[in-house]
Amino acid sequence: MKALIKAAREEKGSIAILAIVLAKAFDSVQHTSVQRALNRFGASDHLFRIVEDLYTDVDTRLSVGRQQLGEIIMRNGVKQQDQLSPFLFNLVIDDLLTTVNQDPTVTQGVGFQYGGVKIAAKRFADDLLLIVETRHGAQLLMDGLTTLLENGTYGSTLVNVNLCV
């Protein structure tokens, strides 16, 4: 990030970096986005089937003593306390970043030119960083990201817009 800011100071004159908080990150991942990310990054058929088996028709049954309280069907999210979950989550976020950086309907031509490559998004810890040169570019990129998330590919709840700065 320091290199981008330094380049902006030396060459461009301006840079805008928006921090986007991933809300309830593990809970918000769509299962279809896990499948998409596995396909995009060339996962083997064997791994794909294992993950599919782990996340198809999954439920939790609650009981207190002998009384059954019901079941909770897992429709989205990756499993808590599962060793595979951080890998799957990171794979989905990498896929999202790749899409944001390469899809012209998302970037709408904005981003920050650095080293011959236009960068629109990076990751820092649990946040997405949107990188642009102008306020107008920031709004265009936010609009593109919002549309991408609302179409259901990644999960509209993945980003908490109220926690963006």
C-alpha atoms as a PDB file:
ATOM      1  CA  MET A   1       0.000   0.000   0.000  1.00  0.00           C
ATOM      2  CA  LYS A   2       2.901   2.324   0.775  1.00  0.00           C
ATOM      3  CA  ALA A   3       4.152   1.872  -2.788  1.00  0.00           C
ATOM      4  CA  LEU A   4       0.784   2.932  -4.220  1.00  0.00           C
ATOM      5  CA  ILE A   5       0.627   6.022  -2.043  1.00  0.00           C
ATOM      6  CA  LYS A   6       4.221   6.902  -2.911  1.00  0.00           C
ATOM      7  CA  ALA A   7       3.468   6.494  -6.623  1.00  0.00           C
ATOM      8  CA  ALA A   8       0.418   8.719  -6.285  1.00  0.00           C
ATOM      9  CA  ARG A   9       2.493  11.413  -4.647  1.00  0.00           C
ATOM     10  CA  GLU A  10       5.255  11.182  -7.240  1.00  0.00           C
ATOM     11  CA  GLU A  11       3.247  10.670 -10.422  1.00  0.00           C
ATOM     12  CA  LYS A  12      -0.497  11.057 -10.136  1.00  0.00           C
ATOM     13  CA  GLY A  13      -1.037  13.570  -7.426  1.00  0.00           C
ATOM     14  CA  SER A  14      -4.125  11.877  -5.978  1.00  0.00           C
ATOM     15  CA  ILE A  15      -5.317   8.518  -4.746  1.00  0.00           C
ATOM     16  CA  ALA A  16      -8.464   7.488  -2.893  1.00  0.00           C
ATOM     17  CA  ILE A  17      -8.510   4.317  -0.819  1.00  0.00           C
ATOM     18  CA  LEU A  18     -11.825   3.062   0.525  1.00  0.00           C
ATOM     19  CA  ALA A  19     -11.802   0.419   3.250  1.00  0.00           C
ATOM     20  CA  ILE A  20     -14.700  -2.002   2.888  1.00  0.00           C
ATOM     21  CA  VAL A  21     -15.448  -4.142   5.937  1.00  0.00           C
ATOM     22  CA  LEU A  22     -16.384  -7.765   5.279  1.00  0.00           C
ATOM     23  CA  ALA A  23     -19.403  -8.275   7.520  1.00  0.00           C
ATOM     24  CA  LYS A  24     -19.970 -11.645   9.186  1.00  0.00           C
ATOM     25  CA  ALA A  25     -17.479 -12.913   6.676  1.00  0.00           C
ATOM     26  CA  PHE A  26     -17.710 -16.673   7.176  1.00  0.00           C
ATOM     27  CA  ASP A  27     -21.502 -16.591   7.551  1.00  0.00           C
ATOM     28  CA  SER A  28     -22.053 -14.557   4.394  1.00  0.00           C
ATOM     29  CA  VAL A  29     -20.256 -16.620   1.759  1.00  0.00           C
ATOM     30  CA  GLN A  30     -22.665 -18.067  -0.811  1.00  0.00           C
ATOM     31  CA  HIS A  31     -22.121 -21.743  -1.592  1.00  0.00           C
ATOM     32  CA  THR A  32     -22.330 -20.925  -5.303  1.00  0.00           C
ATOM     33  CA  SER A  33     -19.433 -18.505  -4.861  1.00  0.00           C
ATOM     34  CA  VAL A  34     -17.349 -21.309  -3.338  1.00  0.00           C
ATOM     35  CA  GLN A  35     -18.111 -23.472  -6.388  1.00  0.00           C
ATOM     36  CA  ARG A  36     -17.305 -20.591  -8.728  1.00  0.00           C
ATOM     37  CA  ALA A  37     -13.978 -19.909  -6.987  1.00  0.00           C
ATOM     38  CA  LEU A  38     -13.000 -23.576  -7.021  1.00  0.00           C
ATOM     39  CA  ASN A  39     -13.707 -23.708 -10.755  1.00  0.00           C
ATOM     40  CA  ARG A  40     -11.929 -20.437 -11.502  1.00  0.00           C
ATOM     41  CA  PHE A  41      -8.751 -21.479  -9.743  1.00  0.00           C
ATOM     42  CA  GLY A  42      -8.683 -24.969 -11.252  1.00  0.00           C
ATOM     43  CA  ALA A  43      -9.568 -27.188  -8.306  1.00  0.00           C
ATOM     44  CA  SER A  44      -9.535 -30.891  -9.077  1.00  0.00           C
ATOM     45  CA  ASP A  45     -12.819 -32.727  -9.550  1.00  0.00           C
ATOM     46  CA  HIS A  46     -12.007 -34.670  -6.388  1.00  0.00           C
ATOM     47  CA  LEU A  47     -11.710 -31.515  -4.257  1.00  0.00           C
ATOM     48  CA  PHE A  48     -14.798 -30.032  -5.885  1.00  0.00           C
ATOM     49  CA  ARG A  49     -16.844 -33.137  -4.981  1.00  0.00           C
ATOM     50  CA  ILE A  50     -15.542 -33.148  -1.400  1.00  0.00           C
ATOM     51  CA  VAL A  51     -16.559 -29.527  -0.870  1.00  0.00           C
ATOM     52  CA  GLU A  52     -19.893 -30.111  -2.584  1.00  0.00           C
ATOM     53  CA  ASP A  53     -20.581 -33.059  -0.257  1.00  0.00           C
ATOM     54  CA  LEU A  54     -19.655 -30.978   2.796  1.00  0.00           C
ATOM     55  CA  TYR A  55     -22.074 -28.182   1.882  1.00  0.00           C
ATOM     56  CA  THR A  56     -25.048 -29.945   0.253  1.00  0.00           C
ATOM     57  CA  ASP A  57     -28.130 -30.651   2.401  1.00  0.00           C
ATOM     58  CA  VAL A  58     -26.419 -29.626   5.640  1.00  0.00           C
ATOM     59  CA  ASP A  59     -28.464 -28.978   8.765  1.00  0.00           C
ATOM     60  CA  THR A  60     -28.069 -28.728  12.510  1.00  0.00           C
ATOM     61  CA  ARG A  61     -30.623 -30.212  14.862  1.00  0.00           C
ATOM     62  CA  LEU A  62     -31.122 -28.552  18.221  1.00  0.00           C
ATOM     63  CA  SER A  63     -32.257 -30.351  21.332  1.00  0.00           C
ATOM     64  CA  VAL A  64     -32.388 -29.639  25.028  1.00  0.00           C
ATOM     65  CA  GLY A  65     -32.418 -32.794  27.073  1.00  0.00           C
ATOM     66  CA  ARG A  66     -34.806 -35.075  25.220  1.00  0.00           C
ATOM     67  CA  GLN A  67     -36.803 -32.284  23.619  1.00  0.00           C
ATOM     68  CA  GLN A  68     -36.124 -31.568  19.908  1.00  0.00           C
ATOM     69  CA  LEU A  69     -36.226 -27.824  19.232  1.00  0.00           C
ATOM     70  CA  GLY A  70     -35.949 -28.040  15.491  1.00  0.00           C
ATOM     71  CA  GLU A  71     -33.374 -27.832  12.765  1.00  0.00           C
ATOM     72  CA  ILE A  72     -31.362 -25.090  11.114  1.00  0.00           C
ATOM     73  CA  ILE A  73     -30.636 -25.566   7.434  1.00  0.00           C
ATOM     74  CA  MET A  74     -27.286 -24.207   6.265  1.00  0.00           C
ATOM     75  CA  ARG A  75     -27.996 -22.346   3.025  1.00  0.00           C
ATOM     76  CA  ASN A  76     -24.927 -20.127   2.972  1.00  0.00           C
ATOM     77  CA  GLY A  77     -21.695 -19.554   4.843  1.00  0.00           C
ATOM     78  CA  VAL A  78     -18.716 -21.744   5.507  1.00  0.00           C
ATOM     79  CA  LYS A  79     -18.610 -23.889   8.618  1.00  0.00           C
ATOM     80  CA  GLN A  80     -17.235 -22.421  11.822  1.00  0.00           C
ATOM     81  CA  GLN A  81     -14.333 -24.316  13.412  1.00  0.00           C
ATOM     82  CA  ASP A  82     -13.722 -26.282  10.214  1.00  0.00           C
ATOM     83  CA  GLN A  83     -10.116 -26.393   9.004  1.00  0.00           C
ATOM     84  CA  LEU A  84     -11.189 -26.061   5.370  1.00  0.00           C
ATOM     85  CA  SER A  85     -13.277 -22.912   5.965  1.00  0.00           C
ATOM     86  CA  PRO A  86     -10.462 -20.302   5.988  1.00  0.00           C
ATOM     87  CA  PHE A  87      -9.162 -21.747   2.704  1.00  0.00           C
ATOM     88  CA  LEU A  88     -12.624 -21.633   1.113  1.00  0.00           C
ATOM     89  CA  PHE A  89     -13.286 -18.124   2.411  1.00  0.00           C
ATOM     90  CA  ASN A  90      -9.945 -16.833   1.111  1.00  0.00           C
ATOM     91  CA  LEU A  91     -10.565 -18.510  -2.232  1.00  0.00           C
ATOM     92  CA  VAL A  92     -13.903 -16.699  -2.565  1.00  0.00           C
ATOM     93  CA  ILE A  93     -12.348 -13.355  -1.606  1.00  0.00           C
ATOM     94  CA  ASP A  94      -9.516 -13.877  -4.110  1.00  0.00           C
ATOM     95  CA  ASP A  95     -12.122 -14.640  -6.765  1.00  0.00           C
ATOM     96  CA  LEU A  96     -14.026 -11.483  -5.816  1.00  0.00           C
ATOM     97  CA  LEU A  97     -10.833  -9.401  -6.043  1.00  0.00           C
ATOM     98  CA  THR A  98      -9.983 -10.906  -9.428  1.00  0.00           C
ATOM     99  CA  THR A  99     -13.462 -10.082 -10.691  1.00  0.00           C
ATOM    100  CA  VAL A 100     -13.356  -6.531  -9.321  1.00  0.00           C
ATOM    101  CA  ASN A 101      -9.959  -5.915 -10.920  1.00  0.00           C
ATOM    102  CA  GLN A 102     -10.727  -7.501 -14.302  1.00  0.00           C
ATOM    103  CA  ASP A 103     -14.431  -7.062 -15.019  1.00  0.00           C
ATOM    104  CA  PRO A 104     -15.038  -3.744 -16.840  1.00  0.00           C
ATOM    105  CA  THR A 105     -18.689  -3.716 -15.731  1.00  0.00           C
ATOM    106  CA  VAL A 106     -17.443  -3.551 -12.138  1.00  0.00           C
ATOM    107  CA  THR A 107     -14.424  -1.270 -12.506  1.00  0.00           C
ATOM    108  CA  GLN A 108     -16.150   0.989 -15.044  1.00  0.00           C
ATOM    109  CA  GLY A 109     -12.721   2.063 -16.207  1.00  0.00           C
ATOM    110  CA  VAL A 110     -11.564   3.360 -12.836  1.00  0.00           C
ATOM    111  CA  GLY A 111      -8.785   2.208 -10.554  1.00  0.00           C
ATOM    112  CA  PHE A 112      -5.205   3.258  -9.994  1.00  0.00           C
ATOM    113  CA  GLN A 113      -2.517   2.772 -12.627  1.00  0.00           C
ATOM    114  CA  TYR A 114       0.605   1.262 -11.091  1.00  0.00           C
ATOM    115  CA  GLY A 115       3.455  -0.549 -12.809  1.00  0.00           C
ATOM    116  CA  GLY A 116       1.544  -0.837 -16.061  1.00  0.00           C
ATOM    117  CA  VAL A 117      -1.478  -2.450 -14.373  1.00  0.00           C
ATOM    118  CA  LYS A 118      -4.731  -0.826 -13.318  1.00  0.00           C
ATOM    119  CA  ILE A 119      -5.534  -1.870  -9.742  1.00  0.00           C
ATOM    120  CA  ALA A 120      -9.059  -1.341  -8.463  1.00  0.00           C
ATOM    121  CA  ALA A 121      -9.069  -3.535  -5.361  1.00  0.00           C
ATOM    122  CA  LYS A 122      -6.704  -5.179  -2.910  1.00  0.00           C
ATOM    123  CA  ARG A 123      -7.142  -6.976   0.361  1.00  0.00           C
ATOM    124  CA  PHE A 124      -5.852  -5.896   3.747  1.00  0.00           C
ATOM    125  CA  ALA A 125      -6.584  -8.298   6.633  1.00  0.00           C
ATOM    126  CA  ASP A 126     -10.384  -8.683   6.719  1.00  0.00           C
ATOM    127  CA  ASP A 127     -11.066  -5.613   4.595  1.00  0.00           C
ATOM    128  CA  LEU A 128     -11.287  -4.928   0.886  1.00  0.00           C
ATOM    129  CA  LEU A 129      -9.521  -1.800  -0.258  1.00  0.00           C
ATOM    130  CA  LEU A 130     -10.903  -0.027  -3.311  1.00  0.00           C
ATOM    131  CA  ILE A 131      -8.244   2.123  -4.960  1.00  0.00           C
ATOM    132  CA  VAL A 132      -9.051   4.963  -7.345  1.00  0.00           C
ATOM    133  CA  GLU A 133      -7.770   8.350  -8.386  1.00  0.00           C
ATOM    134  CA  THR A 134     -10.875  10.493  -7.856  1.00  0.00           C
ATOM    135  CA  ARG A 135     -14.028  10.768  -5.758  1.00  0.00           C
ATOM    136  CA  HIS A 136     -16.091  10.173  -8.867  1.00  0.00           C
ATOM    137  CA  GLY A 137     -14.066   7.018  -9.519  1.00  0.00           C
ATOM    138  CA  ALA A 138     -14.720   5.885  -5.955  1.00  0.00           C
ATOM    139  CA  GLN A 139     -18.466   6.237  -6.469  1.00  0.00           C
ATOM    140  CA  LEU A 140     -18.336   4.373  -9.799  1.00  0.00           C
ATOM    141  CA  LEU A 141     -16.358   1.523  -8.243  1.00  0.00           C
ATOM    142  CA  MET A 142     -18.677   1.325  -5.215  1.00  0.00           C
ATOM    143  CA  ASP A 143     -21.660   1.199  -7.572  1.00  0.00           C
ATOM    144  CA  GLY A 144     -20.019  -1.581  -9.592  1.00  0.00           C
ATOM    145  CA  LEU A 145     -19.150  -3.564  -6.451  1.00  0.00           C
ATOM    146  CA  THR A 146     -22.662  -3.115  -5.069  1.00  0.00           C
ATOM    147  CA  THR A 147     -24.189  -4.409  -8.311  1.00  0.00           C
ATOM    148  CA  LEU A 148     -21.827  -7.383  -8.308  1.00  0.00           C
ATOM    149  CA  LEU A 149     -22.736  -8.283  -4.733  1.00  0.00           C
ATOM    150  CA  GLU A 150     -26.453  -7.764  -5.213  1.00  0.00           C
ATOM    151  CA  ASN A 151     -26.621 -10.148  -8.165  1.00  0.00           C
ATOM    152  CA  GLY A 152     -26.077 -13.011  -5.708  1.00  0.00           C
ATOM    153  CA  THR A 153     -22.752 -14.267  -7.041  1.00  0.00           C
ATOM    154  CA  TYR A 154     -20.902 -13.580  -3.801  1.00  0.00           C
ATOM    155  CA  GLY A 155     -23.615 -12.674  -1.334  1.00  0.00           C
ATOM    156  CA  SER A 156     -25.055  -9.238  -0.754  1.00  0.00           C
ATOM    157  CA  THR A 157     -24.397  -9.481   2.984  1.00  0.00           C
ATOM    158  CA  LEU A 158     -20.655  -9.999   2.512  1.00  0.00           C
ATOM    159  CA  VAL A 159     -20.016  -6.247   2.637  1.00  0.00           C
ATOM    160  CA  ASN A 160     -21.425  -4.069   5.395  1.00  0.00           C
ATOM    161  CA  VAL A 161     -21.890  -0.714   3.676  1.00  0.00           C
ATOM    162  CA  ASN A 162     -22.481   0.981   7.033  1.00  0.00           C
ATOM    163  CA  LEU A 163     -18.904   0.154   8.036  1.00  0.00           C
ATOM    164  CA  CYS A 164     -17.199   1.557   4.933  1.00  0.00           C
ATOM    165  CA  VAL A 165     -14.906   4.549   5.259  1.00  0.00           C
END
